[in-house]
């Protein structure tokens, strides 16, 4: 007892819009996420909560309407939004790229000093080469 095709598509678009709205309200914008240090635990938690909320509501609508198109639209939209947000959370802001296998947190860079350094000054003397 599924919906008519035109009603099914309209309901699927409504559920997809609902998924987008849940992610927009539960997580910061993707541009803001990309500017944070990678693998931020708060972003991961809010993304997980948004995904469960959208999947729950979409699944409920799908069961009430008894329509598989709504179920598939919910699944695709939740997976797409979660992937987009999690990918932005894994980007190193210094490089603006995702580095596979990078640490959970970015290591702190050492402080730069103003010391002068001359290579090989202490290892070799000029007299060794003057033969």
C-alpha atoms as a PDB file:
ATOM      1  CA  UNK A   1       0.000   0.000   0.000  1.00  0.00           C
ATOM      2  CA  UNK A   2       2.687   2.438  -1.049  1.00  0.00           C
ATOM      3  CA  UNK A   3       1.965   6.004  -2.076  1.00  0.00           C
ATOM      4  CA  UNK A   4       1.301   7.042  -5.654  1.00  0.00           C
ATOM      5  CA  UNK A   5       4.554   7.853  -7.487  1.00  0.00           C
ATOM      6  CA  UNK A   6       4.021  11.644  -7.480  1.00  0.00           C
ATOM      7  CA  UNK A   7       3.159  11.634  -3.783  1.00  0.00           C
ATOM      8  CA  UNK A   8       6.070   9.340  -3.033  1.00  0.00           C
ATOM      9  CA  UNK A   9       8.559  11.679  -4.702  1.00  0.00           C
ATOM     10  CA  UNK A  10       7.089  14.713  -2.938  1.00  0.00           C
ATOM     11  CA  UNK A  11       7.301  12.974   0.450  1.00  0.00           C
ATOM     12  CA  UNK A  12      10.883  11.849  -0.282  1.00  0.00           C
ATOM     13  CA  UNK A  13      11.869  15.435  -1.124  1.00  0.00           C
ATOM     14  CA  UNK A  14      10.214  16.638   2.073  1.00  0.00           C
ATOM     15  CA  UNK A  15      12.133  14.092   4.154  1.00  0.00           C
ATOM     16  CA  UNK A  16      15.388  15.030   2.392  1.00  0.00           C
ATOM     17  CA  UNK A  17      14.726  18.699   3.165  1.00  0.00           C
ATOM     18  CA  UNK A  18      14.011  17.745   6.775  1.00  0.00           C
ATOM     19  CA  UNK A  19      17.366  15.904   6.949  1.00  0.00           C
ATOM     20  CA  UNK A  20      19.165  18.973   5.619  1.00  0.00           C
ATOM     21  CA  UNK A  21      17.382  21.209   8.158  1.00  0.00           C
ATOM     22  CA  UNK A  22      18.288  18.906  11.057  1.00  0.00           C
ATOM     23  CA  UNK A  23      21.968  18.913  10.064  1.00  0.00           C
ATOM     24  CA  UNK A  24      21.966  22.696   9.619  1.00  0.00           C
ATOM     25  CA  UNK A  25      20.518  23.225  13.090  1.00  0.00           C
ATOM     26  CA  UNK A  26      22.532  20.559  14.907  1.00  0.00           C
ATOM     27  CA  UNK A  27      25.985  21.237  13.455  1.00  0.00           C
ATOM     28  CA  UNK A  28      27.991  24.345  12.533  1.00  0.00           C
ATOM     29  CA  UNK A  29      28.410  25.223   8.887  1.00  0.00           C
ATOM     30  CA  UNK A  30      30.915  23.177   6.899  1.00  0.00           C
ATOM     31  CA  UNK A  31      33.111  26.256   6.448  1.00  0.00           C
ATOM     32  CA  UNK A  32      33.302  26.703  10.227  1.00  0.00           C
ATOM     33  CA  UNK A  33      34.033  23.006  10.763  1.00  0.00           C
ATOM     34  CA  UNK A  34      36.895  23.108   8.240  1.00  0.00           C
ATOM     35  CA  UNK A  35      38.520  25.980  10.149  1.00  0.00           C
ATOM     36  CA  UNK A  36      38.602  24.041  13.447  1.00  0.00           C
ATOM     37  CA  UNK A  37      41.365  21.589  14.384  1.00  0.00           C
ATOM     38  CA  UNK A  38      40.721  18.212  12.769  1.00  0.00           C
ATOM     39  CA  UNK A  39      38.796  15.403  14.484  1.00  0.00           C
ATOM     40  CA  UNK A  40      36.959  17.704  16.887  1.00  0.00           C
ATOM     41  CA  UNK A  41      35.042  15.478  19.337  1.00  0.00           C
ATOM     42  CA  UNK A  42      32.160  17.950  19.728  1.00  0.00           C
ATOM     43  CA  UNK A  43      31.574  18.058  15.977  1.00  0.00           C
ATOM     44  CA  UNK A  44      31.580  14.249  15.807  1.00  0.00           C
ATOM     45  CA  UNK A  45      29.038  14.021  18.625  1.00  0.00           C
ATOM     46  CA  UNK A  46      26.711  16.608  17.121  1.00  0.00           C
ATOM     47  CA  UNK A  47      26.974  14.967  13.688  1.00  0.00           C
ATOM     48  CA  UNK A  48      26.127  11.574  15.178  1.00  0.00           C
ATOM     49  CA  UNK A  49      23.146  13.057  17.037  1.00  0.00           C
ATOM     50  CA  UNK A  50      21.884  14.783  13.871  1.00  0.00           C
ATOM     51  CA  UNK A  51      22.236  11.571  11.867  1.00  0.00           C
ATOM     52  CA  UNK A  52      20.263   9.532  14.414  1.00  0.00           C
ATOM     53  CA  UNK A  53      17.567  12.194  14.668  1.00  0.00           C
ATOM     54  CA  UNK A  54      17.146  12.474  10.879  1.00  0.00           C
ATOM     55  CA  UNK A  55      17.214   8.685  10.396  1.00  0.00           C
ATOM     56  CA  UNK A  56      14.656   8.211  13.172  1.00  0.00           C
ATOM     57  CA  UNK A  57      12.227  10.785  11.830  1.00  0.00           C
ATOM     58  CA  UNK A  58      12.683   9.643   8.227  1.00  0.00           C
ATOM     59  CA  UNK A  59      12.228   6.006   9.216  1.00  0.00           C
ATOM     60  CA  UNK A  60       9.084   6.853  11.152  1.00  0.00           C
ATOM     61  CA  UNK A  61       7.615   8.752   8.187  1.00  0.00           C
ATOM     62  CA  UNK A  62       8.541   5.846   5.914  1.00  0.00           C
ATOM     63  CA  UNK A  63       6.815   3.330   8.187  1.00  0.00           C
ATOM     64  CA  UNK A  64       3.687   5.456   8.548  1.00  0.00           C
ATOM     65  CA  UNK A  65       3.463   6.015   4.780  1.00  0.00           C
ATOM     66  CA  UNK A  66       4.542   2.418   4.038  1.00  0.00           C
ATOM     67  CA  UNK A  67       6.679   3.684   1.190  1.00  0.00           C
ATOM     68  CA  UNK A  68      10.203   2.422   0.402  1.00  0.00           C
ATOM     69  CA  UNK A  69      11.102   5.525  -1.637  1.00  0.00           C
ATOM     70  CA  UNK A  70      10.943   7.657   1.500  1.00  0.00           C
ATOM     71  CA  UNK A  71      13.146   5.128   3.309  1.00  0.00           C
ATOM     72  CA  UNK A  72      15.770   5.202   0.548  1.00  0.00           C
ATOM     73  CA  UNK A  73      15.690   9.000   0.283  1.00  0.00           C
ATOM     74  CA  UNK A  74      16.195   9.251   4.043  1.00  0.00           C
ATOM     75  CA  UNK A  75      19.124   6.843   3.965  1.00  0.00           C
ATOM     76  CA  UNK A  76      20.862   8.533   1.066  1.00  0.00           C
ATOM     77  CA  UNK A  77      20.405  12.029   2.498  1.00  0.00           C
ATOM     78  CA  UNK A  78      21.577  11.053   6.010  1.00  0.00           C
ATOM     79  CA  UNK A  79      24.649   9.244   4.669  1.00  0.00           C
ATOM     80  CA  UNK A  80      25.465  12.160   2.355  1.00  0.00           C
ATOM     81  CA  UNK A  81      25.120  14.843   5.032  1.00  0.00           C
ATOM     82  CA  UNK A  82      27.069  12.800   7.591  1.00  0.00           C
ATOM     83  CA  UNK A  83      29.860  12.093   5.111  1.00  0.00           C
ATOM     84  CA  UNK A  84      30.064  15.767   4.112  1.00  0.00           C
ATOM     85  CA  UNK A  85      30.231  16.938   7.728  1.00  0.00           C
ATOM     86  CA  UNK A  86      32.669  14.238   8.875  1.00  0.00           C
ATOM     87  CA  UNK A  87      34.949  14.917   5.909  1.00  0.00           C
ATOM     88  CA  UNK A  88      35.031  18.603   6.820  1.00  0.00           C
ATOM     89  CA  UNK A  89      35.879  17.586  10.398  1.00  0.00           C
ATOM     90  CA  UNK A  90      38.903  15.581   9.185  1.00  0.00           C
ATOM     91  CA  UNK A  91      40.457  18.376   7.128  1.00  0.00           C
ATOM     92  CA  UNK A  92      43.684  19.915   8.426  1.00  0.00           C
ATOM     93  CA  UNK A  93      43.000  23.674   8.473  1.00  0.00           C
ATOM     94  CA  UNK A  94      46.674  24.541   7.887  1.00  0.00           C
ATOM     95  CA  UNK A  95      46.731  22.574   4.627  1.00  0.00           C
ATOM     96  CA  UNK A  96      43.022  22.742   3.682  1.00  0.00           C
ATOM     97  CA  UNK A  97      43.297  19.043   2.851  1.00  0.00           C
ATOM     98  CA  UNK A  98      42.320  15.707   4.337  1.00  0.00           C
ATOM     99  CA  UNK A  99      45.423  13.718   5.263  1.00  0.00           C
ATOM    100  CA  UNK A 100      44.645   9.988   5.659  1.00  0.00           C
ATOM    101  CA  UNK A 101      46.125   8.426   8.776  1.00  0.00           C
ATOM    102  CA  UNK A 102      46.813  11.728  10.490  1.00  0.00           C
ATOM    103  CA  UNK A 103      46.820  11.892  14.257  1.00  0.00           C
ATOM    104  CA  UNK A 104      43.640  12.441  16.219  1.00  0.00           C
ATOM    105  CA  UNK A 105      44.811  15.930  17.119  1.00  0.00           C
ATOM    106  CA  UNK A 106      47.248  18.098  15.218  1.00  0.00           C
ATOM    107  CA  UNK A 107      50.634  18.218  16.895  1.00  0.00           C
ATOM    108  CA  UNK A 108      51.718  21.595  18.131  1.00  0.00           C
ATOM    109  CA  UNK A 109      54.419  23.163  16.016  1.00  0.00           C
ATOM    110  CA  UNK A 110      57.708  23.957  17.789  1.00  0.00           C
ATOM    111  CA  UNK A 111      58.401  27.578  18.527  1.00  0.00           C
ATOM    112  CA  UNK A 112      60.699  29.322  16.102  1.00  0.00           C
ATOM    113  CA  UNK A 113      63.904  30.812  17.493  1.00  0.00           C
ATOM    114  CA  UNK A 114      66.242  33.476  16.207  1.00  0.00           C
ATOM    115  CA  UNK A 115      69.471  31.517  16.803  1.00  0.00           C
ATOM    116  CA  UNK A 116      71.984  31.512  13.993  1.00  0.00           C
ATOM    117  CA  UNK A 117      73.311  28.172  12.875  1.00  0.00           C
ATOM    118  CA  UNK A 118      76.253  27.366  10.656  1.00  0.00           C
ATOM    119  CA  UNK A 119      76.312  23.892   9.185  1.00  0.00           C
ATOM    120  CA  UNK A 120      79.381  21.707   9.872  1.00  0.00           C
ATOM    121  CA  UNK A 121      81.110  24.410  11.921  1.00  0.00           C
ATOM    122  CA  UNK A 122      81.982  22.134  14.812  1.00  0.00           C
ATOM    123  CA  UNK A 123      82.628  18.951  12.817  1.00  0.00           C
ATOM    124  CA  UNK A 124      85.305  20.035  10.364  1.00  0.00           C
ATOM    125  CA  UNK A 125      88.081  22.568  10.443  1.00  0.00           C
ATOM    126  CA  UNK A 126      89.562  24.363   7.472  1.00  0.00           C
ATOM    127  CA  UNK A 127      92.976  22.761   8.075  1.00  0.00           C
ATOM    128  CA  UNK A 128      91.640  19.274   7.289  1.00  0.00           C
ATOM    129  CA  UNK A 129      90.844  20.312   3.725  1.00  0.00           C
ATOM    130  CA  UNK A 130      94.044  22.266   3.080  1.00  0.00           C
ATOM    131  CA  UNK A 131      96.346  19.434   2.080  1.00  0.00           C
END
